[in-house]
N, C-alpha and C. Protein backbone atom coordinates (compact mmCIF):
# COMPACT_ATOMS: atom_id res chain seq x y z
N MET A 1 104.60 77.30 94.12
CA MET A 1 105.14 76.94 92.59
C MET A 1 105.59 78.67 93.44
N LYS A 2 106.69 78.60 92.52
CA LYS A 2 107.49 80.25 92.61
C LYS A 2 107.58 81.04 91.56
N TYR A 3 106.29 82.19 91.59
CA TYR A 3 106.64 82.50 89.67
C TYR A 3 107.15 83.97 89.78
N LYS A 4 107.67 84.14 89.00
CA LYS A 4 108.48 85.53 88.85
C LYS A 4 107.45 86.96 88.87
N ILE A 5 107.79 87.73 89.72
CA ILE A 5 106.87 88.90 89.64
C ILE A 5 107.93 90.19 89.75
N MET A 6 107.41 90.83 89.22
CA MET A 6 108.44 92.28 88.41
C MET A 6 107.69 93.21 89.14
N ILE A 7 108.51 94.11 89.91
CA ILE A 7 107.86 95.43 90.45
C ILE A 7 108.49 96.37 90.01
N VAL A 8 108.28 97.56 89.37
CA VAL A 8 108.63 98.70 88.46
C VAL A 8 108.05 99.67 89.19
N ASP A 9 109.01 100.69 90.04
CA ASP A 9 109.04 101.79 90.80
C ASP A 9 109.81 102.57 90.75
N ASP A 10 109.87 104.00 90.33
CA ASP A 10 111.28 104.58 90.60
C ASP A 10 111.17 105.39 92.04
N GLU A 11 110.76 104.85 93.00
CA GLU A 11 111.29 105.49 94.51
C GLU A 11 111.57 103.92 94.78
N SER A 12 112.97 103.97 95.31
CA SER A 12 113.67 102.79 95.78
C SER A 12 113.35 101.84 96.70
N VAL A 13 112.51 103.05 97.80
CA VAL A 13 112.11 102.59 99.14
C VAL A 13 110.87 101.66 98.87
N ASN A 14 110.50 102.13 97.57
CA ASN A 14 108.95 101.11 97.79
C ASN A 14 109.73 99.79 96.83
N LEU A 15 110.37 99.74 96.27
CA LEU A 15 111.00 98.72 95.74
C LEU A 15 111.51 97.79 96.43
N ARG A 16 112.07 97.99 97.65
CA ARG A 16 112.54 97.30 98.60
C ARG A 16 111.26 96.86 99.84
N THR A 17 110.44 97.82 99.65
CA THR A 17 109.63 97.15 100.60
C THR A 17 108.50 96.12 99.63
N LEU A 18 108.20 96.11 98.69
CA LEU A 18 107.55 95.65 97.97
C LEU A 18 108.52 94.27 97.64
N GLU A 19 109.68 94.01 97.96
CA GLU A 19 110.41 92.88 97.47
C GLU A 19 110.69 92.02 98.62
N ARG A 20 110.80 92.96 99.55
CA ARG A 20 110.41 92.18 100.86
C ARG A 20 109.50 91.71 101.20
N LEU A 21 108.26 92.30 100.78
CA LEU A 21 107.01 91.36 101.05
C LEU A 21 106.76 90.15 100.45
N PHE A 22 107.32 90.26 99.33
CA PHE A 22 107.40 89.04 98.17
C PHE A 22 108.54 88.06 98.21
N ARG A 23 109.73 88.10 98.75
CA ARG A 23 110.57 87.70 97.83
C ARG A 23 110.50 85.85 98.63
N ARG A 24 109.97 86.01 99.58
CA ARG A 24 109.81 84.68 100.25
C ARG A 24 108.82 83.57 99.88
N ASP A 25 108.09 84.03 99.12
CA ASP A 25 107.45 83.28 98.26
C ASP A 25 107.39 83.30 96.69
N HIS A 26 108.18 84.06 95.88
CA HIS A 26 108.11 84.36 94.59
C HIS A 26 109.52 85.04 94.15
N GLN A 27 109.86 84.83 93.04
CA GLN A 27 111.21 85.60 92.40
C GLN A 27 110.92 86.81 91.94
N VAL A 28 111.42 87.90 92.70
CA VAL A 28 110.92 89.25 92.52
C VAL A 28 112.23 89.62 91.68
N LEU A 29 111.54 90.58 90.57
CA LEU A 29 112.58 91.20 89.71
C LEU A 29 112.41 92.60 90.10
N LEU A 30 113.22 93.74 90.02
CA LEU A 30 113.03 95.07 90.05
C LEU A 30 113.64 95.77 89.38
N ALA A 31 112.97 97.25 88.69
CA ALA A 31 113.13 97.69 88.05
C ALA A 31 112.70 99.33 88.17
N GLN A 32 113.88 100.40 88.04
CA GLN A 32 113.38 101.70 88.48
C GLN A 32 112.59 102.38 87.45
N SER A 33 112.39 101.74 85.99
CA SER A 33 111.89 102.72 85.31
C SER A 33 111.48 101.59 83.81
N GLY A 34 110.35 102.26 83.03
CA GLY A 34 109.84 101.46 82.35
C GLY A 34 110.46 101.19 81.34
N ALA A 35 111.46 101.65 81.17
CA ALA A 35 112.29 101.06 80.25
C ALA A 35 113.26 99.74 80.69
N GLU A 36 113.51 99.91 81.66
CA GLU A 36 114.37 99.24 82.47
C GLU A 36 113.74 97.83 82.29
N ALA A 37 112.21 97.92 82.64
CA ALA A 37 111.88 96.88 82.90
C ALA A 37 111.19 95.85 81.56
N LEU A 38 111.06 96.66 80.60
CA LEU A 38 110.84 95.94 79.35
C LEU A 38 112.18 95.30 78.72
N THR A 39 113.48 96.08 79.20
CA THR A 39 114.39 95.29 79.31
C THR A 39 114.32 94.07 79.88
N LEU A 40 114.31 93.89 80.97
CA LEU A 40 114.13 92.65 81.85
C LEU A 40 112.61 91.84 81.31
N LEU A 41 111.90 92.10 80.46
CA LEU A 41 110.91 91.34 80.22
C LEU A 41 111.18 90.11 79.20
N GLU A 42 112.61 90.84 78.27
CA GLU A 42 112.91 90.59 77.25
C GLU A 42 113.45 89.15 77.75
N GLN A 43 114.21 89.45 79.03
CA GLN A 43 115.07 87.75 79.10
C GLN A 43 114.42 87.12 80.41
N HIS A 44 113.11 87.75 80.83
CA HIS A 44 112.39 86.84 81.57
C HIS A 44 110.79 86.42 81.45
N ASP A 45 110.24 85.38 81.95
CA ASP A 45 108.66 85.11 81.72
C ASP A 45 108.41 85.61 82.83
N VAL A 46 108.04 86.48 82.73
CA VAL A 46 107.08 87.22 84.45
C VAL A 46 105.63 86.94 84.34
N ALA A 47 104.99 86.56 85.15
CA ALA A 47 103.88 86.16 85.42
C ALA A 47 102.77 87.48 86.06
N LEU A 48 103.44 87.72 86.86
CA LEU A 48 102.92 89.39 87.47
C LEU A 48 103.77 90.45 87.28
N LEU A 49 103.44 91.74 87.25
CA LEU A 49 103.61 93.08 86.77
C LEU A 49 103.12 94.36 87.89
N ILE A 50 103.76 94.08 88.54
CA ILE A 50 103.07 95.34 89.44
C ILE A 50 104.22 97.00 89.49
N SER A 51 103.41 98.23 89.05
CA SER A 51 103.74 98.92 88.46
C SER A 51 103.32 100.33 89.28
N ASP A 52 104.27 101.31 89.52
CA ASP A 52 103.68 102.27 89.74
C ASP A 52 102.78 103.32 88.65
N GLN A 53 102.16 104.18 88.56
CA GLN A 53 101.93 104.76 87.76
C GLN A 53 102.10 106.08 87.35
N ARG A 54 102.94 106.73 88.02
CA ARG A 54 103.83 108.35 87.84
C ARG A 54 104.99 107.85 88.29
N MET A 55 105.52 107.71 86.50
CA MET A 55 107.02 107.25 86.80
C MET A 55 107.69 108.58 85.92
N PRO A 56 108.85 109.48 85.72
CA PRO A 56 109.60 110.39 84.98
C PRO A 56 109.59 108.88 83.96
N GLU A 57 109.50 109.81 82.34
CA GLU A 57 109.59 109.31 81.30
C GLU A 57 108.40 108.28 80.55
N MET A 58 108.14 107.35 81.18
CA MET A 58 107.30 106.37 81.01
C MET A 58 106.04 105.87 82.23
N THR A 59 104.48 106.56 82.10
CA THR A 59 103.69 106.17 83.08
C THR A 59 103.44 104.65 83.06
N GLY A 60 103.17 104.09 84.01
CA GLY A 60 102.28 102.91 84.42
C GLY A 60 101.92 101.86 82.81
N ILE A 61 100.97 103.10 83.05
CA ILE A 61 100.53 102.71 82.21
C ILE A 61 100.50 102.30 80.34
N GLU A 62 101.69 103.20 80.19
CA GLU A 62 102.14 103.28 78.75
C GLU A 62 103.47 102.12 78.62
N LEU A 63 103.30 101.74 80.29
CA LEU A 63 104.56 100.49 80.39
C LEU A 63 103.85 99.11 79.93
N MET A 64 102.98 99.37 80.85
CA MET A 64 101.81 97.99 80.55
C MET A 64 101.06 97.82 79.43
N LYS A 65 100.81 98.99 78.34
CA LYS A 65 100.54 98.68 76.75
C LYS A 65 101.71 98.16 75.68
N LYS A 66 103.45 98.56 76.39
CA LYS A 66 104.17 97.85 75.76
C LYS A 66 104.41 96.18 76.24
N THR A 67 104.25 96.28 77.42
CA THR A 67 104.42 94.55 77.97
C THR A 67 103.47 93.52 77.27
N VAL A 68 102.46 94.23 76.44
CA VAL A 68 101.24 93.23 75.39
C VAL A 68 102.18 92.02 74.60
N ALA A 69 102.77 92.86 74.13
CA ALA A 69 103.19 92.38 72.58
C ALA A 69 104.46 91.47 73.67
N LEU A 70 105.09 91.49 74.29
CA LEU A 70 106.31 90.91 74.29
C LEU A 70 105.78 89.72 75.92
N ARG A 71 105.13 89.87 76.46
CA ARG A 71 104.02 88.95 77.56
C ARG A 71 102.69 89.08 77.57
N PRO A 72 102.25 88.54 76.86
CA PRO A 72 100.35 88.50 76.89
C PRO A 72 99.95 88.25 77.55
N HIS A 73 100.63 87.31 78.45
CA HIS A 73 99.24 86.60 79.22
C HIS A 73 99.61 87.19 80.83
N MET A 74 100.89 88.47 80.89
CA MET A 74 101.45 88.60 82.47
C MET A 74 99.74 89.33 82.74
N VAL A 75 100.00 89.03 84.02
CA VAL A 75 98.89 89.44 85.04
C VAL A 75 99.40 91.29 85.40
N LYS A 76 98.81 91.79 85.17
CA LYS A 76 99.31 93.67 85.58
C LYS A 76 98.69 94.02 87.06
N ILE A 77 99.48 94.85 87.84
CA ILE A 77 98.76 95.46 88.93
C ILE A 77 99.31 96.50 88.77
N LEU A 78 98.37 97.78 89.17
CA LEU A 78 98.92 99.15 89.20
C LEU A 78 98.50 99.87 90.18
N LEU A 79 99.70 100.34 91.10
CA LEU A 79 99.85 101.03 91.95
C LEU A 79 99.69 102.61 91.66
N THR A 80 99.24 103.42 92.48
CA THR A 80 99.46 104.57 92.47
C THR A 80 99.07 105.74 93.67
N GLY A 81 99.75 106.74 94.05
CA GLY A 81 99.55 107.50 94.83
C GLY A 81 98.54 108.82 94.62
N TYR A 82 98.13 108.66 92.98
CA TYR A 82 97.72 109.85 92.76
C TYR A 82 96.23 109.24 92.10
N THR A 83 95.38 110.49 92.31
CA THR A 83 93.88 109.70 91.34
C THR A 83 94.15 110.36 89.95
N ASP A 84 94.57 109.49 89.14
CA ASP A 84 94.52 109.87 87.50
C ASP A 84 93.12 109.13 86.76
N VAL A 85 91.80 109.82 86.99
CA VAL A 85 90.50 108.76 86.88
C VAL A 85 90.50 108.30 85.47
N GLY A 86 90.98 109.94 84.85
CA GLY A 86 90.74 108.84 82.62
C GLY A 86 91.35 108.20 82.60
N ALA A 87 92.93 108.20 83.08
CA ALA A 87 93.94 107.07 82.59
C ALA A 87 93.48 105.72 83.20
N LEU A 88 92.84 105.63 84.56
CA LEU A 88 92.84 104.54 84.94
C LEU A 88 91.67 103.62 84.53
N ILE A 89 90.86 104.73 83.91
CA ILE A 89 89.26 104.24 83.22
C ILE A 89 89.77 103.62 82.09
N GLU A 90 90.53 104.25 81.12
CA GLU A 90 91.27 103.96 80.28
C GLU A 90 91.79 102.56 80.04
N ALA A 91 92.76 102.31 81.35
CA ALA A 91 93.85 100.79 81.25
C ALA A 91 92.59 99.46 81.44
N ILE A 92 91.69 99.92 82.12
CA ILE A 92 91.20 99.07 82.75
C ILE A 92 89.83 98.47 81.76
N ASN A 93 89.30 99.19 81.05
CA ASN A 93 88.65 99.09 79.63
C ASN A 93 89.34 98.35 79.05
N CYS A 94 90.56 98.80 78.53
CA CYS A 94 91.20 98.34 77.70
C CYS A 94 91.84 96.77 77.79
N GLY A 95 91.52 96.27 79.07
CA GLY A 95 92.29 94.93 79.71
C GLY A 95 93.60 95.38 80.64
N LEU A 96 94.08 96.32 80.38
CA LEU A 96 95.89 96.18 80.80
C LEU A 96 95.79 95.96 82.56
N VAL A 97 95.09 96.13 82.97
CA VAL A 97 95.40 96.33 84.42
C VAL A 97 94.26 95.04 84.75
N TYR A 98 94.73 94.24 85.60
CA TYR A 98 93.82 93.32 86.33
C TYR A 98 93.36 94.09 87.79
N ARG A 99 94.71 94.70 88.30
CA ARG A 99 93.39 95.63 89.30
C ARG A 99 94.31 97.06 89.68
N TYR A 100 93.80 97.69 90.29
CA TYR A 100 94.50 99.24 90.54
C TYR A 100 94.27 99.15 91.81
N LEU A 101 95.41 99.46 92.52
CA LEU A 101 95.55 99.58 93.98
C LEU A 101 96.39 101.26 94.58
N THR A 102 96.10 101.26 95.54
CA THR A 102 96.08 102.61 96.04
C THR A 102 97.32 102.70 96.77
N LYS A 103 97.93 103.82 96.97
CA LYS A 103 99.35 103.66 98.15
C LYS A 103 98.80 104.40 98.85
N PRO A 104 98.80 104.79 100.00
CA PRO A 104 99.81 103.38 100.70
C PRO A 104 99.01 102.45 100.62
N TRP A 105 99.77 101.47 100.54
CA TRP A 105 99.00 99.97 100.05
C TRP A 105 98.86 99.09 101.97
N ASN A 106 97.98 98.26 101.98
CA ASN A 106 97.91 97.14 102.91
C ASN A 106 98.52 96.17 102.54
N ASN A 107 99.42 95.63 103.00
CA ASN A 107 100.21 94.43 102.84
C ASN A 107 99.64 93.35 102.95
N ASP A 108 98.28 93.37 103.75
CA ASP A 108 97.63 91.53 103.86
C ASP A 108 96.92 91.99 102.53
N ASP A 109 96.36 92.92 101.85
CA ASP A 109 95.67 93.33 100.61
C ASP A 109 95.97 92.82 99.70
N LEU A 110 97.33 93.03 99.68
CA LEU A 110 98.72 93.62 98.60
C LEU A 110 98.47 91.87 98.23
N ARG A 111 98.78 90.85 99.72
CA ARG A 111 99.09 89.66 99.33
C ARG A 111 97.89 88.98 99.00
N ILE A 112 97.18 89.31 99.05
CA ILE A 112 95.69 88.59 98.62
C ILE A 112 95.36 88.39 97.08
N THR A 113 95.56 90.32 96.61
CA THR A 113 95.26 90.33 95.65
C THR A 113 95.79 89.93 94.21
N VAL A 114 97.72 89.72 94.96
CA VAL A 114 98.40 88.85 94.00
C VAL A 114 98.07 87.62 94.08
N GLY A 115 97.96 87.08 95.35
CA GLY A 115 98.07 85.38 95.16
C GLY A 115 96.17 85.32 94.04
N ARG A 116 95.29 86.10 93.82
CA ARG A 116 94.26 85.99 93.10
C ARG A 116 94.96 86.23 91.71
N ALA A 117 95.55 87.53 91.71
CA ALA A 117 96.37 87.39 89.95
C ALA A 117 97.11 86.79 89.77
N LEU A 118 97.53 85.92 90.12
CA LEU A 118 98.55 84.49 90.05
C LEU A 118 97.58 83.66 89.74
N GLU A 119 96.50 83.10 90.19
CA GLU A 119 95.26 82.55 89.58
C GLU A 119 94.62 83.01 88.41
N HIS A 120 94.65 84.20 88.25
CA HIS A 120 94.12 84.74 86.87
C HIS A 120 95.54 84.07 86.08
N TYR A 121 96.09 84.07 85.82
CA TYR A 121 97.31 84.58 85.19
C TYR A 121 97.50 82.27 84.80
N GLU A 122 97.06 82.01 86.03
CA GLU A 122 97.34 80.69 85.31
C GLU A 122 95.84 80.09 84.61
N LEU A 123 94.88 80.87 85.06
CA LEU A 123 93.86 80.20 84.36
C LEU A 123 94.10 80.95 82.33
N ILE A 124 94.58 82.03 82.68
CA ILE A 124 94.84 82.28 81.00
C ILE A 124 95.73 81.71 80.56
N LYS A 125 96.58 81.23 81.02
CA LYS A 125 97.65 80.53 80.68
C LYS A 125 97.30 79.36 80.52
N SER A 126 96.19 78.12 80.94
CA SER A 126 95.39 77.42 80.70
C SER A 126 94.46 77.35 79.50
N LYS A 127 93.90 78.48 79.42
CA LYS A 127 93.27 78.39 78.35
C LYS A 127 94.03 78.80 77.36
N HIS A 128 95.27 79.14 77.41
CA HIS A 128 95.78 79.88 75.82
C HIS A 128 96.22 78.40 75.15
N ILE A 129 96.48 77.28 76.24
CA ILE A 129 97.01 76.01 76.14
C ILE A 129 95.91 74.96 75.60
N LEU A 130 94.84 75.43 75.74
CA LEU A 130 94.01 74.82 75.24
C LEU A 130 93.58 75.06 74.29
N GLU A 131 93.57 76.05 74.09
CA GLU A 131 93.15 76.81 72.43
C GLU A 131 94.22 76.22 71.57
N MET A 132 95.40 76.37 71.96
CA MET A 132 96.69 75.37 70.96
C MET A 132 96.40 74.06 70.45
N VAL A 133 95.85 73.29 71.74
CA VAL A 133 95.39 72.01 71.37
C VAL A 133 94.42 72.10 70.20
N ASN A 134 93.32 72.44 71.12
CA ASN A 134 92.07 72.46 70.23
C ASN A 134 92.53 72.73 68.14
N GLN A 135 93.32 73.95 68.56
CA GLN A 135 93.77 74.60 66.74
C GLN A 135 94.23 72.93 66.61
N ARG A 136 95.02 72.14 67.21
CA ARG A 136 95.84 71.44 66.24
C ARG A 136 95.04 69.82 65.73
N LEU A 137 94.05 69.98 66.88
CA LEU A 137 93.27 68.67 66.58
C LEU A 137 92.47 69.33 65.45
N ARG A 138 92.28 70.55 65.70
CA ARG A 138 91.13 70.60 64.33
C ARG A 138 91.73 70.43 62.92
N VAL A 139 93.18 70.77 63.05
CA VAL A 139 93.63 70.53 61.75
C VAL A 139 94.05 69.01 61.37
N ARG A 140 94.37 67.91 62.64
CA ARG A 140 94.21 67.13 62.78
C ARG A 140 93.38 66.32 61.93
N LEU A 141 92.08 66.97 62.64
CA LEU A 141 90.99 66.60 62.04
C LEU A 141 90.34 66.44 60.52
N GLY A 142 91.31 67.49 60.28
CA GLY A 142 90.59 67.95 58.43
C GLY A 142 91.35 67.43 57.83
N GLN A 143 93.05 67.05 58.63
CA GLN A 143 93.79 66.05 57.48
C GLN A 143 93.04 64.61 57.56
N ILE A 144 92.58 63.93 58.54
CA ILE A 144 91.51 62.59 58.73
C ILE A 144 90.63 62.42 57.86
N THR A 145 89.48 63.77 57.80
CA THR A 145 88.51 63.82 57.23
C THR A 145 89.02 63.62 55.69
N GLU A 146 90.09 64.33 54.96
CA GLU A 146 90.47 64.81 53.87
C GLU A 146 90.89 63.01 53.11
N LEU A 147 91.31 62.48 54.08
CA LEU A 147 91.96 60.99 53.80
C LEU A 147 90.74 59.85 53.95
N ALA A 148 89.91 60.24 54.59
CA ALA A 148 88.49 59.53 54.72
C ALA A 148 88.21 59.74 53.11
N ALA A 149 87.44 61.31 52.85
CA ALA A 149 87.11 61.26 51.66
C ALA A 149 87.90 60.63 50.77
N GLU A 150 88.75 60.57 50.73
CA GLU A 150 89.80 60.24 49.52
C GLU A 150 89.29 58.84 49.09
N GLY A 151 89.83 58.36 50.28
CA GLY A 151 89.38 56.47 50.69
C GLY A 151 87.88 56.30 50.29
N LEU A 152 87.31 56.98 50.54
CA LEU A 152 85.47 56.63 50.01
C LEU A 152 85.84 56.71 48.10
N GLU A 153 86.17 57.77 48.01
CA GLU A 153 86.64 57.36 46.82
C GLU A 153 86.96 56.76 45.80
N GLU A 154 88.51 56.00 46.43
CA GLU A 154 89.41 55.27 45.79
C GLU A 154 87.95 53.48 46.22
N THR A 155 87.36 53.86 47.25
CA THR A 155 86.73 52.43 47.90
C THR A 155 85.62 52.18 46.35
N ALA A 156 84.74 53.91 45.99
CA ALA A 156 83.47 53.51 45.07
C ALA A 156 84.08 53.24 43.56
N ALA A 157 85.48 53.74 43.57
CA ALA A 157 86.15 53.45 42.03
C ALA A 157 86.66 51.78 42.25
N PHE A 158 86.41 51.28 43.53
CA PHE A 158 87.03 49.54 43.04
C PHE A 158 86.02 49.01 42.68
N GLY A 159 84.81 49.30 43.31
CA GLY A 159 83.56 48.67 43.42
C GLY A 159 82.42 48.94 42.10
N SER A 160 82.87 50.02 41.15
CA SER A 160 82.18 50.40 40.43
C SER A 160 83.12 49.29 38.88
N GLU A 161 84.24 49.01 39.21
CA GLU A 161 85.26 48.83 37.99
C GLU A 161 84.72 47.50 37.32
N GLY A 162 83.39 46.42 37.46
CA GLY A 162 82.76 45.57 37.16
C GLY A 162 83.52 44.54 37.09
N SER A 163 84.57 44.26 37.77
CA SER A 163 85.11 42.61 36.97
C SER A 163 84.62 41.91 38.47
N MET A 164 84.79 40.61 38.18
CA MET A 164 84.28 39.60 39.12
C MET A 164 85.27 39.06 40.20
N GLU A 165 86.95 38.98 39.44
CA GLU A 165 87.82 38.88 40.17
C GLU A 165 87.96 39.44 41.46
N MET A 166 88.19 39.33 42.31
CA MET A 166 88.78 39.56 43.59
C MET A 166 90.38 40.62 43.64
N ARG A 167 90.07 41.44 44.17
CA ARG A 167 91.38 43.04 44.47
C ARG A 167 91.35 42.88 45.84
N ALA A 168 92.25 43.51 45.87
CA ALA A 168 92.76 44.15 46.74
C ALA A 168 92.04 45.04 47.22
N ALA A 169 91.70 45.66 48.24
CA ALA A 169 90.94 46.91 48.65
C ALA A 169 92.09 47.86 48.98
N PRO A 170 91.50 48.99 48.29
CA PRO A 170 93.10 49.98 48.55
C PRO A 170 93.00 50.42 49.88
N THR A 171 94.39 50.66 50.20
CA THR A 171 94.97 50.71 51.56
C THR A 171 95.53 52.50 51.90
N ARG A 172 95.18 53.17 52.65
CA ARG A 172 95.98 54.11 52.88
C ARG A 172 96.73 54.66 54.32
N PRO A 173 98.33 53.94 54.19
CA PRO A 173 98.70 54.16 55.45
C PRO A 173 99.05 55.31 56.10
N GLU A 174 99.06 56.69 55.19
CA GLU A 174 99.13 57.69 55.99
C GLU A 174 97.84 57.88 57.00
N ALA A 175 96.56 57.69 56.37
CA ALA A 175 95.60 57.81 57.55
C ALA A 175 96.09 56.85 58.76
N TYR A 176 96.55 55.51 59.21
CA TYR A 176 96.90 54.95 60.17
C TYR A 176 97.86 55.94 60.95
N ALA A 177 98.82 56.50 60.14
CA ALA A 177 99.73 57.74 61.07
C ALA A 177 99.22 58.55 61.62
N LEU A 178 98.06 59.49 60.99
CA LEU A 178 97.64 60.28 61.53
C LEU A 178 96.64 59.86 63.20
N LEU A 179 95.79 59.08 62.64
CA LEU A 179 95.42 58.32 64.15
C LEU A 179 96.45 58.06 64.93
N GLY A 180 97.40 57.65 65.08
CA GLY A 180 98.34 57.18 65.99
C GLY A 180 98.44 58.51 66.60
C-alpha cells in the first residue's frame, strides 16, 4: 500500500535525499517549513510525518503539537542533528513522537523505522475503527434493551387485563428493524 509521507525540513538537500529514499514505495509530500506543512496537512491525509527539529519560526516539536488536531492518528518521526534533550523528553513523554533519529541517518535504519511506523499507524487506525464500531453497537444495544423493556411492560399489561377472550399480542416492529 502506498502511504502518504510528509517530510519537513528547511534544508532542501535533506528534502530531496529523503524524497528519493521513499518515493518508490510511498507518496511523498515535501514542506520547507512548519507553516507549509500545516497547510498541506489540511489537504492531505498523511500517515507519517518526518520532521527536522531545528527549523526557523517553528520547531519540529511545535509542528507536531499543532498536527494533533488535524491528523490525530498520524505517526511522527523527529530528525535532528542537535541534542536538545529537554525538548525530546517532553515530546516523547507527551506521546508526540514515535521515534527520534539523529542526523546523519543511516538509510537502511530509516527505512526499517518508517516501515515500523507505518505498521504502528495501521494499528492505531484499526483501533480507532473498532472503537467507533463498538460505540455504535453500544448505542444499538441500548435501543434494543429499551424496546425489550417496553415489550415486557406491554406483555405484563396484556396478561393482567383478566379477560378470557383471546387478544393479539402487542408487536414492536421497530425492534425488528433494529435487529436487522
